[in-house]
Amino acid sequence: MDHADLTYIEAELPGLVDVETWREVLAALEEADCFGLVTSANGRRVWAAFGNEAPATVDAVRRHGLQP
């Protein structure tokens, strides 16, 4: 879903996920501004939100690559 200030992506995860798939999912989530995993009786879903700002601005705000 596209919103004025962010793009939101949600995906259903299958019952069993192999290690390599988890690595790929986590690598994709690492690029998001925020993300989460929702587990319910209906299954598991991952979601991620990406701000629609310029990448340089986002990296500066996130302090990407710097230790707190």
PDB file of N, CA and C in Angstrom:
ATOM      1  N   MET A   1       0.835  -1.174   0.000  1.00  0.00           N
ATOM      2  CA  MET A   1       0.000   0.000   0.000  1.00  0.00           C
ATOM      3  C   MET A   1       0.883   1.242   0.000  1.00  0.00           C
ATOM      4  N   ASP A   2       0.573   2.164  -0.848  1.00  0.00           N
ATOM      5  CA  ASP A   2       1.289   3.433  -0.889  1.00  0.00           C
ATOM      6  C   ASP A   2       0.495   4.495  -0.156  1.00  0.00           C
ATOM      7  N   HIS A   3       1.173   5.214   0.718  1.00  0.00           N
ATOM      8  CA  HIS A   3       0.596   6.337   1.439  1.00  0.00           C
ATOM      9  C   HIS A   3       1.442   7.562   1.118  1.00  0.00           C
ATOM     10  N   ALA A   4       1.009   8.723   1.541  1.00  0.00           N
ATOM     11  CA  ALA A   4       1.730   9.951   1.234  1.00  0.00           C
ATOM     12  C   ALA A   4       3.159   9.920   1.757  1.00  0.00           C
ATOM     13  N   ASP A   5       3.360   9.375   2.962  1.00  0.00           N
ATOM     14  CA  ASP A   5       4.682   9.435   3.583  1.00  0.00           C
ATOM     15  C   ASP A   5       5.413   8.095   3.643  1.00  0.00           C
ATOM     16  N   LEU A   6       4.731   6.977   3.302  1.00  0.00           N
ATOM     17  CA  LEU A   6       5.408   5.685   3.371  1.00  0.00           C
ATOM     18  C   LEU A   6       4.754   4.658   2.456  1.00  0.00           C
ATOM     19  N   THR A   7       5.505   3.599   2.214  1.00  0.00           N
ATOM     20  CA  THR A   7       5.010   2.438   1.491  1.00  0.00           C
ATOM     21  C   THR A   7       5.003   1.278   2.470  1.00  0.00           C
ATOM     22  N   TYR A   8       3.876   0.585   2.562  1.00  0.00           N
ATOM     23  CA  TYR A   8       3.675  -0.498   3.516  1.00  0.00           C
ATOM     24  C   TYR A   8       3.535  -1.801   2.747  1.00  0.00           C
ATOM     25  N   ILE A   9       4.304  -2.813   3.143  1.00  0.00           N
ATOM     26  CA  ILE A   9       4.274  -4.118   2.485  1.00  0.00           C
ATOM     27  C   ILE A   9       3.991  -5.172   3.538  1.00  0.00           C
ATOM     28  N   GLU A  10       3.113  -6.110   3.208  1.00  0.00           N
ATOM     29  CA  GLU A  10       2.770  -7.194   4.116  1.00  0.00           C
ATOM     30  C   GLU A  10       2.755  -8.493   3.321  1.00  0.00           C
ATOM     31  N   ALA A  11       3.256  -9.581   3.936  1.00  0.00           N
ATOM     32  CA  ALA A  11       3.292 -10.875   3.251  1.00  0.00           C
ATOM     33  C   ALA A  11       3.016 -11.999   4.243  1.00  0.00           C
ATOM     34  N   GLU A  12       2.301 -13.007   3.776  1.00  0.00           N
ATOM     35  CA  GLU A  12       2.030 -14.186   4.590  1.00  0.00           C
ATOM     36  C   GLU A  12       3.216 -15.138   4.502  1.00  0.00           C
ATOM     37  N   LEU A  13       3.573 -15.743   5.633  1.00  0.00           N
ATOM     38  CA  LEU A  13       4.659 -16.722   5.657  1.00  0.00           C
ATOM     39  C   LEU A  13       4.056 -18.122   5.689  1.00  0.00           C
ATOM     40  N   PRO A  14       4.648 -19.053   4.958  1.00  0.00           N
ATOM     41  CA  PRO A  14       4.157 -20.432   5.005  1.00  0.00           C
ATOM     42  C   PRO A  14       4.445 -21.055   6.370  1.00  0.00           C
ATOM     43  N   GLY A  15       3.829 -22.182   6.649  1.00  0.00           N
ATOM     44  CA  GLY A  15       3.991 -22.865   7.935  1.00  0.00           C
ATOM     45  C   GLY A  15       5.434 -23.151   8.288  1.00  0.00           C
ATOM     46  N   LEU A  16       6.176 -23.732   7.373  1.00  0.00           N
ATOM     47  CA  LEU A  16       7.585 -24.028   7.608  1.00  0.00           C
ATOM     48  C   LEU A  16       8.439 -23.169   6.687  1.00  0.00           C
ATOM     49  N   VAL A  17       9.414 -22.500   7.263  1.00  0.00           N
ATOM     50  CA  VAL A  17      10.309 -21.640   6.486  1.00  0.00           C
ATOM     51  C   VAL A  17      11.737 -22.126   6.717  1.00  0.00           C
ATOM     52  N   ASP A  18      12.438 -22.435   5.623  1.00  0.00           N
ATOM     53  CA  ASP A  18      13.816 -22.915   5.766  1.00  0.00           C
ATOM     54  C   ASP A  18      14.751 -21.769   6.138  1.00  0.00           C
ATOM     55  N   VAL A  19      15.926 -22.120   6.587  1.00  0.00           N
ATOM     56  CA  VAL A  19      16.901 -21.146   7.083  1.00  0.00           C
ATOM     57  C   VAL A  19      17.257 -20.118   6.021  1.00  0.00           C
ATOM     58  N   GLU A  20      17.478 -20.534   4.803  1.00  0.00           N
ATOM     59  CA  GLU A  20      17.861 -19.594   3.735  1.00  0.00           C
ATOM     60  C   GLU A  20      16.743 -18.594   3.464  1.00  0.00           C
ATOM     61  N   THR A  21      15.501 -19.047   3.477  1.00  0.00           N
ATOM     62  CA  THR A  21      14.376 -18.128   3.273  1.00  0.00           C
ATOM     63  C   THR A  21      14.303 -17.120   4.403  1.00  0.00           C
ATOM     64  N   TRP A  22      14.501 -17.565   5.667  1.00  0.00           N
ATOM     65  CA  TRP A  22      14.509 -16.626   6.796  1.00  0.00           C
ATOM     66  C   TRP A  22      15.600 -15.582   6.617  1.00  0.00           C
ATOM     67  N   ARG A  23      16.768 -15.995   6.160  1.00  0.00           N
ATOM     68  CA  ARG A  23      17.861 -15.033   5.924  1.00  0.00           C
ATOM     69  C   ARG A  23      17.442 -13.987   4.899  1.00  0.00           C
ATOM     70  N   GLU A  24      16.793 -14.432   3.836  1.00  0.00           N
ATOM     71  CA  GLU A  24      16.350 -13.494   2.794  1.00  0.00           C
ATOM     72  C   GLU A  24      15.285 -12.549   3.332  1.00  0.00           C
ATOM     73  N   VAL A  25      14.350 -13.067   4.109  1.00  0.00           N
ATOM     74  CA  VAL A  25      13.307 -12.224   4.704  1.00  0.00           C
ATOM     75  C   VAL A  25      13.943 -11.185   5.627  1.00  0.00           C
ATOM     76  N   LEU A  26      14.843 -11.624   6.489  1.00  0.00           N
ATOM     77  CA  LEU A  26      15.498 -10.694   7.418  1.00  0.00           C
ATOM     78  C   LEU A  26      16.342  -9.653   6.697  1.00  0.00           C
ATOM     79  N   ALA A  27      17.010 -10.045   5.618  1.00  0.00           N
ATOM     80  CA  ALA A  27      17.801  -9.092   4.835  1.00  0.00           C
ATOM     81  C   ALA A  27      16.894  -8.021   4.232  1.00  0.00           C
ATOM     82  N   ALA A  28      15.729  -8.416   3.750  1.00  0.00           N
ATOM     83  CA  ALA A  28      14.782  -7.444   3.192  1.00  0.00           C
ATOM     84  C   ALA A  28      14.240  -6.529   4.292  1.00  0.00           C
ATOM     85  N   LEU A  29      13.904  -7.110   5.447  1.00  0.00           N
ATOM     86  CA  LEU A  29      13.369  -6.306   6.548  1.00  0.00           C
ATOM     87  C   LEU A  29      14.390  -5.312   7.084  1.00  0.00           C
ATOM     88  N   GLU A  30      15.664  -5.670   7.020  1.00  0.00           N
ATOM     89  CA  GLU A  30      16.725  -4.790   7.505  1.00  0.00           C
ATOM     90  C   GLU A  30      16.721  -3.448   6.773  1.00  0.00           C
ATOM     91  N   GLU A  31      16.241  -3.438   5.545  1.00  0.00           N
ATOM     92  CA  GLU A  31      16.213  -2.207   4.751  1.00  0.00           C
ATOM     93  C   GLU A  31      15.022  -1.310   5.096  1.00  0.00           C
ATOM     94  N   ALA A  32      14.054  -1.839   5.831  1.00  0.00           N
ATOM     95  CA  ALA A  32      12.845  -1.087   6.158  1.00  0.00           C
ATOM     96  C   ALA A  32      13.100  -0.083   7.279  1.00  0.00           C
ATOM     97  N   ASP A  33      12.264   0.935   7.335  1.00  0.00           N
ATOM     98  CA  ASP A  33      12.322   1.903   8.424  1.00  0.00           C
ATOM     99  C   ASP A  33      11.734   1.309   9.699  1.00  0.00           C
ATOM    100  N   CYS A  34      10.740   0.445   9.557  1.00  0.00           N
ATOM    101  CA  CYS A  34      10.202  -0.315  10.679  1.00  0.00           C
ATOM    102  C   CYS A  34       9.577  -1.586  10.120  1.00  0.00           C
ATOM    103  N   PHE A  35       9.504  -2.614  10.958  1.00  0.00           N
ATOM    104  CA  PHE A  35       8.983  -3.898  10.495  1.00  0.00           C
ATOM    105  C   PHE A  35       8.481  -4.703  11.679  1.00  0.00           C
ATOM    106  N   GLY A  36       7.776  -5.794  11.381  1.00  0.00           N
ATOM    107  CA  GLY A  36       7.280  -6.637  12.452  1.00  0.00           C
ATOM    108  C   GLY A  36       6.845  -7.993  11.939  1.00  0.00           C
ATOM    109  N   LEU A  37       6.555  -8.866  12.880  1.00  0.00           N
ATOM    110  CA  LEU A  37       6.061 -10.206  12.612  1.00  0.00           C
ATOM    111  C   LEU A  37       4.815 -10.387  13.460  1.00  0.00           C
ATOM    112  N   VAL A  38       3.726 -10.798  12.829  1.00  0.00           N
ATOM    113  CA  VAL A  38       2.464 -11.010  13.530  1.00  0.00           C
ATOM    114  C   VAL A  38       2.120 -12.490  13.437  1.00  0.00           C
ATOM    115  N   THR A  39       1.922 -13.113  14.586  1.00  0.00           N
ATOM    116  CA  THR A  39       1.521 -14.522  14.642  1.00  0.00           C
ATOM    117  C   THR A  39       0.133 -14.597  15.246  1.00  0.00           C
ATOM    118  N   SER A  40      -0.761 -15.316  14.570  1.00  0.00           N
ATOM    119  CA  SER A  40      -2.122 -15.476  15.076  1.00  0.00           C
ATOM    120  C   SER A  40      -2.608 -16.878  14.738  1.00  0.00           C
ATOM    121  N   ALA A  41      -3.821 -17.175  15.097  1.00  0.00           N
ATOM    122  CA  ALA A  41      -4.416 -18.473  14.774  1.00  0.00           C
ATOM    123  C   ALA A  41      -4.516 -18.668  13.264  1.00  0.00           C
ATOM    124  N   ASN A  42      -4.503 -17.574  12.522  1.00  0.00           N
ATOM    125  CA  ASN A  42      -4.614 -17.633  11.057  1.00  0.00           C
ATOM    126  C   ASN A  42      -3.269 -17.787  10.356  1.00  0.00           C
ATOM    127  N   GLY A  43      -2.163 -17.763  11.091  1.00  0.00           N
ATOM    128  CA  GLY A  43      -0.842 -17.905  10.483  1.00  0.00           C
ATOM    129  C   GLY A  43       0.100 -16.790  10.883  1.00  0.00           C
ATOM    130  N   ARG A  44       1.173 -16.637  10.094  1.00  0.00           N
ATOM    131  CA  ARG A  44       2.189 -15.607  10.359  1.00  0.00           C
ATOM    132  C   ARG A  44       2.289 -14.665   9.170  1.00  0.00           C
ATOM    133  N   ARG A  45       2.471 -13.389   9.493  1.00  0.00           N
ATOM    134  CA  ARG A  45       2.632 -12.364   8.472  1.00  0.00           C
ATOM    135  C   ARG A  45       3.786 -11.458   8.880  1.00  0.00           C
ATOM    136  N   VAL A  46       4.606 -11.080   7.909  1.00  0.00           N
ATOM    137  CA  VAL A  46       5.622 -10.065   8.154  1.00  0.00           C
ATOM    138  C   VAL A  46       5.144  -8.785   7.486  1.00  0.00           C
ATOM    139  N   TRP A  47       5.539  -7.663   8.053  1.00  0.00           N
ATOM    140  CA  TRP A  47       5.210  -6.382   7.447  1.00  0.00           C
ATOM    141  C   TRP A  47       6.429  -5.470   7.540  1.00  0.00           C
ATOM    142  N   ALA A  48       6.478  -4.531   6.622  1.00  0.00           N
ATOM    143  CA  ALA A  48       7.566  -3.553   6.600  1.00  0.00           C
ATOM    144  C   ALA A  48       7.030  -2.233   6.078  1.00  0.00           C
ATOM    145  N   ALA A  49       7.564  -1.152   6.599  1.00  0.00           N
ATOM    146  CA  ALA A  49       7.207   0.186   6.136  1.00  0.00           C
ATOM    147  C   ALA A  49       8.477   0.910   5.714  1.00  0.00           C
ATOM    148  N   PHE A  50       8.407   1.534   4.558  1.00  0.00           N
ATOM    149  CA  PHE A  50       9.529   2.273   3.989  1.00  0.00           C
ATOM    150  C   PHE A  50       9.088   3.716   3.794  1.00  0.00           C
ATOM    151  N   GLY A  51       9.825   4.651   4.424  1.00  0.00           N
ATOM    152  CA  GLY A  51       9.509   6.064   4.253  1.00  0.00           C
ATOM    153  C   GLY A  51       9.760   6.502   2.828  1.00  0.00           C
ATOM    154  N   ASN A  52       8.977   7.446   2.358  1.00  0.00           N
ATOM    155  CA  ASN A  52       9.103   7.945   0.989  1.00  0.00           C
ATOM    156  C   ASN A  52      10.046   9.135   0.881  1.00  0.00           C
ATOM    157  N   GLU A  53      10.947   9.309   1.868  1.00  0.00           N
ATOM    158  CA  GLU A  53      11.936  10.384   1.832  1.00  0.00           C
ATOM    159  C   GLU A  53      13.107   9.973   0.946  1.00  0.00           C
ATOM    160  N   ALA A  54      13.940  10.931   0.634  1.00  0.00           N
ATOM    161  CA  ALA A  54      15.147  10.649  -0.146  1.00  0.00           C
ATOM    162  C   ALA A  54      16.044   9.708   0.643  1.00  0.00           C
ATOM    163  N   PRO A  55      16.677   8.711   0.008  1.00  0.00           N
ATOM    164  CA  PRO A  55      17.511   7.742   0.726  1.00  0.00           C
ATOM    165  C   PRO A  55      18.591   8.364   1.604  1.00  0.00           C
ATOM    166  N   ALA A  56      19.260   9.415   1.169  1.00  0.00           N
ATOM    167  CA  ALA A  56      20.319  10.029   1.980  1.00  0.00           C
ATOM    168  C   ALA A  56      19.743  10.569   3.288  1.00  0.00           C
ATOM    169  N   THR A  57      18.559  11.146   3.225  1.00  0.00           N
ATOM    170  CA  THR A  57      17.909  11.678   4.421  1.00  0.00           C
ATOM    171  C   THR A  57      17.529  10.548   5.359  1.00  0.00           C
ATOM    172  N   VAL A  58      16.991   9.476   4.817  1.00  0.00           N
ATOM    173  CA  VAL A  58      16.587   8.341   5.635  1.00  0.00           C
ATOM    174  C   VAL A  58      17.788   7.734   6.330  1.00  0.00           C
ATOM    175  N   ASP A  59      18.901   7.534   5.625  1.00  0.00           N
ATOM    176  CA  ASP A  59      20.101   6.974   6.242  1.00  0.00           C
ATOM    177  C   ASP A  59      20.604   7.864   7.367  1.00  0.00           C
ATOM    178  N   ALA A  60      20.561   9.168   7.190  1.00  0.00           N
ATOM    179  CA  ALA A  60      21.018  10.085   8.221  1.00  0.00           C
ATOM    180  C   ALA A  60      20.135   9.990   9.451  1.00  0.00           C
ATOM    181  N   VAL A  61      18.835   9.888   9.251  1.00  0.00           N
ATOM    182  CA  VAL A  61      17.907   9.797  10.369  1.00  0.00           C
ATOM    183  C   VAL A  61      18.076   8.467  11.091  1.00  0.00           C
ATOM    184  N   ARG A  62      18.237   7.385  10.343  1.00  0.00           N
ATOM    185  CA  ARG A  62      18.383   6.064  10.945  1.00  0.00           C
ATOM    186  C   ARG A  62      19.765   5.852  11.524  1.00  0.00           C
ATOM    187  N   ARG A  63      20.732   6.700  11.163  1.00  0.00           N
ATOM    188  CA  ARG A  63      22.123   6.521  11.549  1.00  0.00           C
ATOM    189  C   ARG A  63      22.598   5.153  11.067  1.00  0.00           C
ATOM    190  N   HIS A  64      22.225   4.846   9.838  1.00  0.00           N
ATOM    191  CA  HIS A  64      22.510   3.565   9.227  1.00  0.00           C
ATOM    192  C   HIS A  64      24.000   3.227   9.311  1.00  0.00           C
ATOM    193  N   GLY A  65      24.298   2.045   9.836  1.00  0.00           N
ATOM    194  CA  GLY A  65      25.673   1.587   9.907  1.00  0.00           C
ATOM    195  C   GLY A  65      26.446   2.063  11.117  1.00  0.00           C
ATOM    196  N   LEU A  66      25.829   2.859  11.979  1.00  0.00           N
ATOM    197  CA  LEU A  66      26.528   3.367  13.165  1.00  0.00           C
ATOM    198  C   LEU A  66      26.021   2.650  14.411  1.00  0.00           C
ATOM    199  N   GLN A  67      26.892   2.420  15.348  1.00  0.00           N
ATOM    200  CA  GLN A  67      26.501   1.813  16.613  1.00  0.00           C
ATOM    201  C   GLN A  67      25.941   2.899  17.510  1.00  0.00           C
ATOM    202  N   PRO A  68      24.863   2.581  18.279  1.00  0.00           N
ATOM    203  CA  PRO A  68      24.296   3.598  19.191  1.00  0.00           C
ATOM    204  C   PRO A  68      25.225   3.898  20.340  1.00  0.00           C
TER     205      PRO A  68
END
